[in-house]
Structure formats: C-alpha cells, structure tokens
Amino acid sequence: MFFGVDVQLDLILINIIQMKFLSFRPLSFHGKVRRCFAKMANRSKLTPEERATELDQLKQTGWKEVEGRDAIYKEYSFKNFNEAFGVMTRVAMQAEKMDHHPEWFNVYNKLQVTLSSHDVNGLSHRDITLAKFIDNAAAKSV
C-alpha cells in the first residue's frame, strides 16, 4: 500500500510517474521507482501474524522482546574486542545499505543490540532482516 491507498491506485500512480518521466529519464530510473516502492512496503509495522512467526524464530536464537517498548534485544559475547568490532563493522555496512541503523553498545568483547523501526514506531521487516544478518555475522566470526 502507498500512503494507505489500495493497490490499484498504487499501480496507477506508478504508471503516471513512468509516463511523466519516460521522455526525461533513462530506463534505469524506472527500476529505481520500483525499488523505492518496495522499500516503502518493507517499512510497515509487523502484523500480529508476522510478529508471531518471525519473533518465535528469533527468540530461538536468543533475541528477546524489550519490556515497555516495541523492540527486540540481544547480547553477544566474542573472544576479544577485535572480533566484536569486526562484526560491528559488517553490521554497520549492511545497516547503511538498508538505511536501518541499530541501537547498540559495545565494551571490549560484549555487544548489546536493540532493534526497532522509529519511522513506524515499532518492529518492522527491516528489524527482522537485520537481526538475522547480525546473527549470521556473529556466527561467522566464531
């Protein structure tokens, strides 16, 4: 959905945008428009059904729901600071690509991560995606 309007109107808007800019923009622009709409869909708050399935999977890997806030939290422990910082660097690069940045705290080999999407005031698909990425990055560092 685009600004809470039904899907048919979304398609009409995309067609209008494409027609208006067709003579002024290269063809690669149209792919950017589609990616922009896909990103917007990814920025919606998780539905109750999505929360149930996605959060159950993450809880099995050590993620916890934050009390009093629509967020998830996990603590990691590494061999040393270099390993912790390496994971943080990989996560930072991915977070920048996703335009979704974690709240985190690091002391020596410990890393504490909290994820929540401020633009939707709660958990979104981006949080789930980034949580899984962090888990994979941490597992590879061991």
N, C-alpha and C. Protein backbone atom coordinates (compact mmCIF):
# COMPACT_ATOMS: atom_id res chain seq x y z
N MET A 1 0.82 -1.19 0.00
CA MET A 1 0.00 0.00 0.00
C MET A 1 0.86 1.25 0.00
N PHE A 2 0.41 2.24 -0.69
CA PHE A 2 1.12 3.51 -0.77
C PHE A 2 0.27 4.55 -0.07
N PHE A 3 0.75 5.04 1.06
CA PHE A 3 0.03 6.02 1.86
C PHE A 3 -1.38 5.57 2.21
N GLY A 4 -1.56 4.27 2.47
CA GLY A 4 -2.84 3.75 2.92
C GLY A 4 -3.89 3.64 1.82
N VAL A 5 -3.50 3.72 0.56
CA VAL A 5 -4.44 3.65 -0.56
C VAL A 5 -4.35 2.26 -1.16
N ASP A 6 -5.44 1.77 -1.77
CA ASP A 6 -5.44 0.40 -2.27
C ASP A 6 -4.46 0.19 -3.42
N VAL A 7 -4.23 -1.08 -3.75
CA VAL A 7 -3.19 -1.48 -4.69
C VAL A 7 -3.46 -0.94 -6.10
N GLN A 8 -4.71 -0.88 -6.55
CA GLN A 8 -4.99 -0.38 -7.90
C GLN A 8 -4.51 1.06 -8.06
N LEU A 9 -4.72 1.86 -7.05
CA LEU A 9 -4.27 3.25 -7.13
C LEU A 9 -2.74 3.31 -7.15
N ASP A 10 -2.09 2.38 -6.41
CA ASP A 10 -0.62 2.30 -6.45
C ASP A 10 -0.14 2.09 -7.88
N LEU A 11 -0.77 1.16 -8.58
CA LEU A 11 -0.36 0.86 -9.95
C LEU A 11 -0.60 2.06 -10.87
N ILE A 12 -1.69 2.75 -10.66
CA ILE A 12 -1.98 3.95 -11.46
C ILE A 12 -0.91 5.00 -11.21
N LEU A 13 -0.54 5.21 -9.95
CA LEU A 13 0.49 6.19 -9.62
C LEU A 13 1.82 5.82 -10.25
N ILE A 14 2.18 4.55 -10.21
CA ILE A 14 3.43 4.11 -10.82
C ILE A 14 3.40 4.39 -12.32
N ASN A 15 2.28 4.08 -12.97
CA ASN A 15 2.17 4.33 -14.41
C ASN A 15 2.26 5.82 -14.73
N ILE A 16 1.63 6.65 -13.93
CA ILE A 16 1.70 8.10 -14.15
C ILE A 16 3.14 8.57 -14.00
N ILE A 17 3.81 8.13 -12.96
CA ILE A 17 5.21 8.51 -12.75
C ILE A 17 6.06 8.07 -13.93
N GLN A 18 5.86 6.85 -14.39
CA GLN A 18 6.65 6.34 -15.51
C GLN A 18 6.37 7.12 -16.79
N MET A 19 5.10 7.42 -17.07
CA MET A 19 4.75 8.17 -18.28
C MET A 19 5.30 9.59 -18.21
N LYS A 20 5.19 10.23 -17.07
CA LYS A 20 5.64 11.61 -16.93
C LYS A 20 7.15 11.74 -17.15
N PHE A 21 7.91 10.77 -16.66
CA PHE A 21 9.35 10.87 -16.73
C PHE A 21 9.97 10.06 -17.86
N LEU A 22 9.16 9.36 -18.63
CA LEU A 22 9.68 8.47 -19.66
C LEU A 22 10.59 9.21 -20.64
N SER A 23 10.18 10.38 -21.07
CA SER A 23 10.99 11.10 -22.05
C SER A 23 12.16 11.86 -21.42
N PHE A 24 12.17 11.95 -20.08
CA PHE A 24 13.21 12.74 -19.42
C PHE A 24 14.22 11.90 -18.66
N ARG A 25 13.90 10.64 -18.38
CA ARG A 25 14.76 9.81 -17.53
C ARG A 25 15.23 8.57 -18.27
N PRO A 26 16.42 8.09 -17.96
CA PRO A 26 16.87 6.83 -18.55
C PRO A 26 16.04 5.66 -18.02
N LEU A 27 16.10 4.54 -18.71
CA LEU A 27 15.30 3.38 -18.30
C LEU A 27 15.66 2.89 -16.90
N SER A 28 16.88 3.09 -16.46
CA SER A 28 17.27 2.65 -15.13
C SER A 28 16.47 3.36 -14.04
N PHE A 29 15.93 4.54 -14.37
CA PHE A 29 15.13 5.29 -13.41
C PHE A 29 13.90 4.50 -12.99
N HIS A 30 13.30 3.76 -13.92
CA HIS A 30 12.07 3.02 -13.63
C HIS A 30 12.33 1.93 -12.60
N GLY A 31 13.49 1.30 -12.68
CA GLY A 31 13.85 0.30 -11.68
C GLY A 31 13.99 0.94 -10.31
N LYS A 32 14.51 2.16 -10.27
CA LYS A 32 14.66 2.88 -9.01
C LYS A 32 13.29 3.19 -8.40
N VAL A 33 12.33 3.55 -9.23
CA VAL A 33 10.98 3.82 -8.73
C VAL A 33 10.39 2.57 -8.11
N ARG A 34 10.55 1.43 -8.80
CA ARG A 34 10.02 0.17 -8.26
C ARG A 34 10.71 -0.19 -6.95
N ARG A 35 12.02 -0.02 -6.87
CA ARG A 35 12.75 -0.32 -5.64
C ARG A 35 12.30 0.60 -4.51
N CYS A 36 12.01 1.84 -4.83
CA CYS A 36 11.53 2.80 -3.84
C CYS A 36 10.21 2.33 -3.24
N PHE A 37 9.28 1.87 -4.09
CA PHE A 37 8.00 1.37 -3.60
C PHE A 37 8.19 0.10 -2.79
N ALA A 38 9.12 -0.75 -3.19
CA ALA A 38 9.40 -1.98 -2.45
C ALA A 38 9.96 -1.65 -1.06
N LYS A 39 10.82 -0.66 -0.98
CA LYS A 39 11.37 -0.25 0.31
C LYS A 39 10.28 0.29 1.21
N MET A 40 9.35 1.05 0.64
CA MET A 40 8.26 1.60 1.44
C MET A 40 7.41 0.49 2.02
N ALA A 41 7.16 -0.57 1.25
CA ALA A 41 6.38 -1.69 1.75
C ALA A 41 7.11 -2.39 2.89
N ASN A 42 8.44 -2.42 2.81
CA ASN A 42 9.27 -3.06 3.83
C ASN A 42 9.29 -2.26 5.12
N ARG A 43 8.82 -1.03 5.10
CA ARG A 43 8.87 -0.15 6.26
C ARG A 43 7.56 -0.14 7.04
N SER A 44 6.71 -1.11 6.81
CA SER A 44 5.47 -1.15 7.56
C SER A 44 5.66 -1.98 8.83
N LYS A 45 4.87 -1.67 9.82
CA LYS A 45 4.93 -2.37 11.10
C LYS A 45 4.48 -3.82 10.91
N LEU A 46 5.10 -4.74 11.64
CA LEU A 46 4.73 -6.15 11.54
C LEU A 46 3.27 -6.35 11.96
N THR A 47 2.57 -7.20 11.23
CA THR A 47 1.21 -7.57 11.61
C THR A 47 1.28 -8.55 12.78
N PRO A 48 0.19 -8.76 13.49
CA PRO A 48 0.21 -9.75 14.59
C PRO A 48 0.64 -11.15 14.12
N GLU A 49 0.22 -11.54 12.93
CA GLU A 49 0.60 -12.86 12.40
C GLU A 49 2.10 -12.91 12.11
N GLU A 50 2.62 -11.85 11.50
CA GLU A 50 4.05 -11.79 11.20
C GLU A 50 4.87 -11.77 12.49
N ARG A 51 4.39 -11.04 13.48
CA ARG A 51 5.09 -11.00 14.77
C ARG A 51 5.20 -12.39 15.37
N ALA A 52 4.10 -13.13 15.33
CA ALA A 52 4.09 -14.46 15.93
C ALA A 52 5.13 -15.38 15.28
N THR A 53 5.14 -15.42 13.96
CA THR A 53 6.07 -16.33 13.29
C THR A 53 7.51 -15.84 13.33
N GLU A 54 7.71 -14.57 13.02
CA GLU A 54 9.07 -14.04 12.94
C GLU A 54 9.74 -13.96 14.31
N LEU A 55 9.01 -13.48 15.31
CA LEU A 55 9.62 -13.34 16.63
C LEU A 55 9.89 -14.69 17.29
N ASP A 56 9.04 -15.67 17.04
CA ASP A 56 9.30 -17.01 17.59
C ASP A 56 10.62 -17.55 17.06
N GLN A 57 10.87 -17.35 15.77
CA GLN A 57 12.14 -17.81 15.18
C GLN A 57 13.33 -17.08 15.82
N LEU A 58 13.21 -15.77 15.99
CA LEU A 58 14.31 -15.00 16.57
C LEU A 58 14.53 -15.33 18.05
N LYS A 59 13.46 -15.59 18.77
CA LYS A 59 13.59 -15.93 20.19
C LYS A 59 14.38 -17.23 20.36
N GLN A 60 14.28 -18.12 19.40
CA GLN A 60 15.04 -19.37 19.46
C GLN A 60 16.53 -19.13 19.33
N THR A 61 16.92 -17.99 18.78
CA THR A 61 18.34 -17.68 18.63
C THR A 61 18.83 -16.69 19.70
N GLY A 62 17.97 -16.40 20.70
CA GLY A 62 18.40 -15.56 21.81
C GLY A 62 17.87 -14.14 21.84
N TRP A 63 17.11 -13.74 20.84
CA TRP A 63 16.52 -12.40 20.85
C TRP A 63 15.38 -12.37 21.85
N LYS A 64 15.20 -11.21 22.50
CA LYS A 64 14.13 -11.03 23.48
C LYS A 64 13.35 -9.77 23.15
N GLU A 65 12.07 -9.78 23.51
CA GLU A 65 11.28 -8.56 23.36
C GLU A 65 11.62 -7.61 24.51
N VAL A 66 11.70 -6.34 24.20
CA VAL A 66 12.02 -5.32 25.20
C VAL A 66 10.73 -4.95 25.93
N GLU A 67 10.78 -5.00 27.25
CA GLU A 67 9.60 -4.68 28.04
C GLU A 67 9.28 -3.19 27.95
N GLY A 68 8.02 -2.86 27.70
CA GLY A 68 7.59 -1.46 27.64
C GLY A 68 7.91 -0.76 26.34
N ARG A 69 8.36 -1.52 25.34
CA ARG A 69 8.74 -0.92 24.06
C ARG A 69 8.60 -1.96 22.96
N ASP A 70 8.18 -1.56 21.78
CA ASP A 70 8.06 -2.50 20.66
C ASP A 70 9.42 -2.63 19.99
N ALA A 71 10.29 -3.45 20.60
CA ALA A 71 11.66 -3.61 20.13
C ALA A 71 12.16 -5.00 20.52
N ILE A 72 13.27 -5.42 19.91
CA ILE A 72 13.92 -6.66 20.28
C ILE A 72 15.36 -6.38 20.69
N TYR A 73 15.92 -7.29 21.51
CA TYR A 73 17.23 -7.06 22.12
C TYR A 73 18.00 -8.37 22.18
N LYS A 74 19.32 -8.27 21.99
CA LYS A 74 20.17 -9.44 22.13
C LYS A 74 21.57 -9.01 22.55
N GLU A 75 22.20 -9.84 23.37
CA GLU A 75 23.58 -9.62 23.79
C GLU A 75 24.46 -10.68 23.14
N TYR A 76 25.62 -10.23 22.67
CA TYR A 76 26.61 -11.12 22.07
C TYR A 76 27.90 -11.04 22.88
N SER A 77 28.61 -12.16 22.92
CA SER A 77 29.92 -12.19 23.57
C SER A 77 30.91 -12.82 22.59
N PHE A 78 32.03 -12.15 22.38
CA PHE A 78 33.04 -12.61 21.43
C PHE A 78 34.35 -12.93 22.16
N LYS A 79 35.30 -13.46 21.43
CA LYS A 79 36.60 -13.81 22.02
C LYS A 79 37.35 -12.58 22.52
N ASN A 80 37.26 -11.50 21.76
CA ASN A 80 38.01 -10.30 22.09
C ASN A 80 37.38 -9.09 21.41
N PHE A 81 37.95 -7.93 21.63
CA PHE A 81 37.44 -6.70 21.04
C PHE A 81 37.52 -6.71 19.52
N ASN A 82 38.61 -7.24 18.97
CA ASN A 82 38.78 -7.27 17.52
C ASN A 82 37.64 -8.03 16.85
N GLU A 83 37.26 -9.16 17.43
CA GLU A 83 36.16 -9.95 16.86
C GLU A 83 34.83 -9.19 16.97
N ALA A 84 34.59 -8.58 18.12
CA ALA A 84 33.35 -7.80 18.31
C ALA A 84 33.29 -6.64 17.32
N PHE A 85 34.41 -5.93 17.18
CA PHE A 85 34.44 -4.78 16.28
C PHE A 85 34.30 -5.22 14.82
N GLY A 86 34.84 -6.39 14.48
CA GLY A 86 34.68 -6.91 13.12
C GLY A 86 33.22 -7.15 12.77
N VAL A 87 32.50 -7.75 13.72
CA VAL A 87 31.06 -7.98 13.50
C VAL A 87 30.33 -6.65 13.40
N MET A 88 30.67 -5.71 14.27
CA MET A 88 30.02 -4.40 14.23
C MET A 88 30.26 -3.70 12.89
N THR A 89 31.45 -3.87 12.34
CA THR A 89 31.77 -3.26 11.05
C THR A 89 30.91 -3.85 9.95
N ARG A 90 30.79 -5.19 9.94
CA ARG A 90 29.94 -5.84 8.92
C ARG A 90 28.48 -5.41 9.06
N VAL A 91 28.02 -5.34 10.30
CA VAL A 91 26.63 -4.91 10.55
C VAL A 91 26.44 -3.46 10.14
N ALA A 92 27.42 -2.60 10.43
CA ALA A 92 27.32 -1.19 10.07
C ALA A 92 27.20 -1.02 8.55
N MET A 93 27.96 -1.79 7.81
CA MET A 93 27.89 -1.69 6.34
C MET A 93 26.53 -2.15 5.83
N GLN A 94 26.01 -3.24 6.39
CA GLN A 94 24.70 -3.73 5.98
C GLN A 94 23.60 -2.75 6.40
N ALA A 95 23.70 -2.22 7.61
CA ALA A 95 22.70 -1.27 8.11
C ALA A 95 22.64 -0.03 7.22
N GLU A 96 23.80 0.41 6.76
CA GLU A 96 23.84 1.57 5.87
C GLU A 96 23.15 1.27 4.55
N LYS A 97 23.39 0.07 4.01
CA LYS A 97 22.72 -0.33 2.76
C LYS A 97 21.21 -0.37 2.93
N MET A 98 20.78 -0.82 4.11
CA MET A 98 19.34 -0.95 4.39
C MET A 98 18.71 0.36 4.84
N ASP A 99 19.54 1.36 5.14
CA ASP A 99 19.08 2.60 5.74
C ASP A 99 18.30 2.30 7.01
N HIS A 100 18.88 1.42 7.82
CA HIS A 100 18.25 1.00 9.08
C HIS A 100 19.35 0.73 10.08
N HIS A 101 19.45 1.55 11.09
CA HIS A 101 20.60 1.51 11.97
C HIS A 101 20.22 1.04 13.37
N PRO A 102 21.01 0.11 13.90
CA PRO A 102 20.69 -0.43 15.23
C PRO A 102 21.08 0.52 16.35
N GLU A 103 20.45 0.32 17.49
CA GLU A 103 20.92 0.93 18.72
C GLU A 103 21.85 -0.13 19.31
N TRP A 104 23.09 0.24 19.60
CA TRP A 104 23.99 -0.75 20.17
C TRP A 104 24.98 -0.15 21.14
N PHE A 105 25.55 -1.05 21.94
CA PHE A 105 26.50 -0.65 22.96
C PHE A 105 27.59 -1.72 23.00
N ASN A 106 28.85 -1.30 23.01
CA ASN A 106 29.97 -2.23 22.98
C ASN A 106 30.99 -1.88 24.06
N VAL A 107 31.39 -2.87 24.82
CA VAL A 107 32.53 -2.77 25.73
C VAL A 107 33.35 -4.03 25.54
N TYR A 108 34.59 -3.86 25.17
CA TYR A 108 35.55 -4.92 24.91
C TYR A 108 34.94 -6.00 24.01
N ASN A 109 34.63 -7.19 24.55
CA ASN A 109 34.13 -8.29 23.72
C ASN A 109 32.61 -8.44 23.78
N LYS A 110 31.94 -7.53 24.42
CA LYS A 110 30.47 -7.60 24.56
C LYS A 110 29.80 -6.63 23.60
N LEU A 111 28.68 -7.07 23.03
CA LEU A 111 27.89 -6.24 22.14
C LEU A 111 26.42 -6.40 22.51
N GLN A 112 25.74 -5.30 22.79
CA GLN A 112 24.31 -5.31 23.09
C GLN A 112 23.60 -4.58 21.95
N VAL A 113 22.58 -5.22 21.38
CA VAL A 113 21.88 -4.67 20.22
C VAL A 113 20.38 -4.57 20.50
N THR A 114 19.80 -3.42 20.20
CA THR A 114 18.36 -3.22 20.26
C THR A 114 17.90 -2.78 18.88
N LEU A 115 16.84 -3.42 18.38
CA LEU A 115 16.29 -3.09 17.06
C LEU A 115 14.83 -2.67 17.18
N SER A 116 14.51 -1.57 16.53
CA SER A 116 13.14 -1.08 16.42
C SER A 116 13.13 -0.05 15.29
N SER A 117 12.03 0.03 14.58
CA SER A 117 11.93 0.98 13.47
C SER A 117 11.22 2.23 13.96
N HIS A 118 11.97 3.31 14.07
CA HIS A 118 11.41 4.55 14.60
C HIS A 118 10.37 5.16 13.68
N ASP A 119 10.51 4.93 12.36
CA ASP A 119 9.55 5.52 11.43
C ASP A 119 8.17 4.88 11.50
N VAL A 120 8.06 3.65 12.04
CA VAL A 120 6.75 3.02 12.21
C VAL A 120 6.43 2.82 13.69
N ASN A 121 7.32 3.34 14.55
CA ASN A 121 7.13 3.25 16.00
C ASN A 121 6.95 1.80 16.47
N GLY A 122 7.82 0.92 15.99
CA GLY A 122 7.75 -0.48 16.41
C GLY A 122 8.56 -1.37 15.50
N LEU A 123 8.31 -2.65 15.60
CA LEU A 123 9.05 -3.63 14.80
C LEU A 123 8.55 -3.70 13.37
N SER A 124 9.51 -3.79 12.44
CA SER A 124 9.19 -3.91 11.02
C SER A 124 9.99 -5.06 10.44
N HIS A 125 9.76 -5.32 9.16
CA HIS A 125 10.52 -6.36 8.46
C HIS A 125 12.01 -6.04 8.44
N ARG A 126 12.34 -4.78 8.43
CA ARG A 126 13.76 -4.39 8.43
C ARG A 126 14.45 -4.85 9.72
N ASP A 127 13.74 -4.80 10.84
CA ASP A 127 14.32 -5.27 12.10
C ASP A 127 14.60 -6.77 12.04
N ILE A 128 13.65 -7.51 11.49
CA ILE A 128 13.80 -8.97 11.39
C ILE A 128 14.98 -9.29 10.47
N THR A 129 15.04 -8.62 9.33
CA THR A 129 16.12 -8.84 8.37
C THR A 129 17.48 -8.52 8.99
N LEU A 130 17.57 -7.39 9.68
CA LEU A 130 18.84 -7.00 10.28
C LEU A 130 19.21 -7.93 11.44
N ALA A 131 18.25 -8.37 12.22
CA ALA A 131 18.52 -9.31 13.32
C ALA A 131 19.13 -10.60 12.77
N LYS A 132 18.56 -11.11 11.70
CA LYS A 132 19.09 -12.34 11.09
C LYS A 132 20.48 -12.11 10.52
N PHE A 133 20.72 -10.94 9.93
CA PHE A 133 22.03 -10.62 9.42
C PHE A 133 23.06 -10.58 10.55
N ILE A 134 22.70 -9.95 11.66
CA ILE A 134 23.61 -9.85 12.81
C ILE A 134 23.94 -11.24 13.34
N ASP A 135 22.92 -12.09 13.47
CA ASP A 135 23.16 -13.47 13.93
C ASP A 135 24.13 -14.19 13.00
N ASN A 136 23.95 -14.05 11.70
CA ASN A 136 24.84 -14.70 10.74
C ASN A 136 26.26 -14.14 10.82
N ALA A 137 26.38 -12.84 10.95
CA ALA A 137 27.71 -12.21 11.05
C ALA A 137 28.41 -12.67 12.33
N ALA A 138 27.68 -12.77 13.42
CA ALA A 138 28.27 -13.21 14.68
C ALA A 138 28.68 -14.67 14.60
N ALA A 139 27.87 -15.49 13.96
CA ALA A 139 28.19 -16.92 13.84
C ALA A 139 29.44 -17.14 12.99
N LYS A 140 29.64 -16.33 11.97
CA LYS A 140 30.80 -16.47 11.11
C LYS A 140 32.08 -16.03 11.79
N SER A 141 31.96 -15.22 12.83
CA SER A 141 33.17 -14.70 13.48
C SER A 141 33.75 -15.70 14.48
N VAL A 142 33.00 -16.70 14.83
CA VAL A 142 33.44 -17.69 15.85
C VAL A 142 34.40 -18.68 15.25
